[in-house]
Amino acid sequence: QVQLEESGGGSVQAGGSLRLSCAASGRTSRTYAVGWFRQAPGKEREFVSGISRSGGKTSYTDSVQGRFTISRDSAKNTVYLQMNSLKPEDTAAYYCAADLGSAWHAIFSTPSRYEYWGQGTQVTVSS
């Protein structure tokens, strides 16, 4: 079992920044890929960014490329999502998720691939 807890959400104006954290507890003796997803009201959950088990591979959806940066601190069992130049369309609930079964450098964008999910943190960007 892996428990994930997101933090760092909030309300900012367009152009601002936030850093989300995803802290893992429980079965942390092995590494796993982590994905960040978001879901706006009335929309499907979408992949935002991911980092591989190795930490050496990252992936971003096109709309956040160049603005968001994912990273991990293995010593703290925490994955971060630095979000800069935020836009109103980034407004959503953000979730982190863990994929325990992926290959060392693999990242998947499909939500069903991920076994464990956090409760989410709200990000609101006003214009």
Foldseek 3Di string as FASTA:
>chain_A
DKAWAKDWADEEAAQAKIKIKIFIDDPLPAFWKKWKWWDAPPGDIWTAKIAFSQSPDMDGDPVQVPFWDWGDDSVRRMIMIIGGRDDQVVWTWMKMFTQHPDPRGDDDTDPVNTDYIYPTDTHGYHD
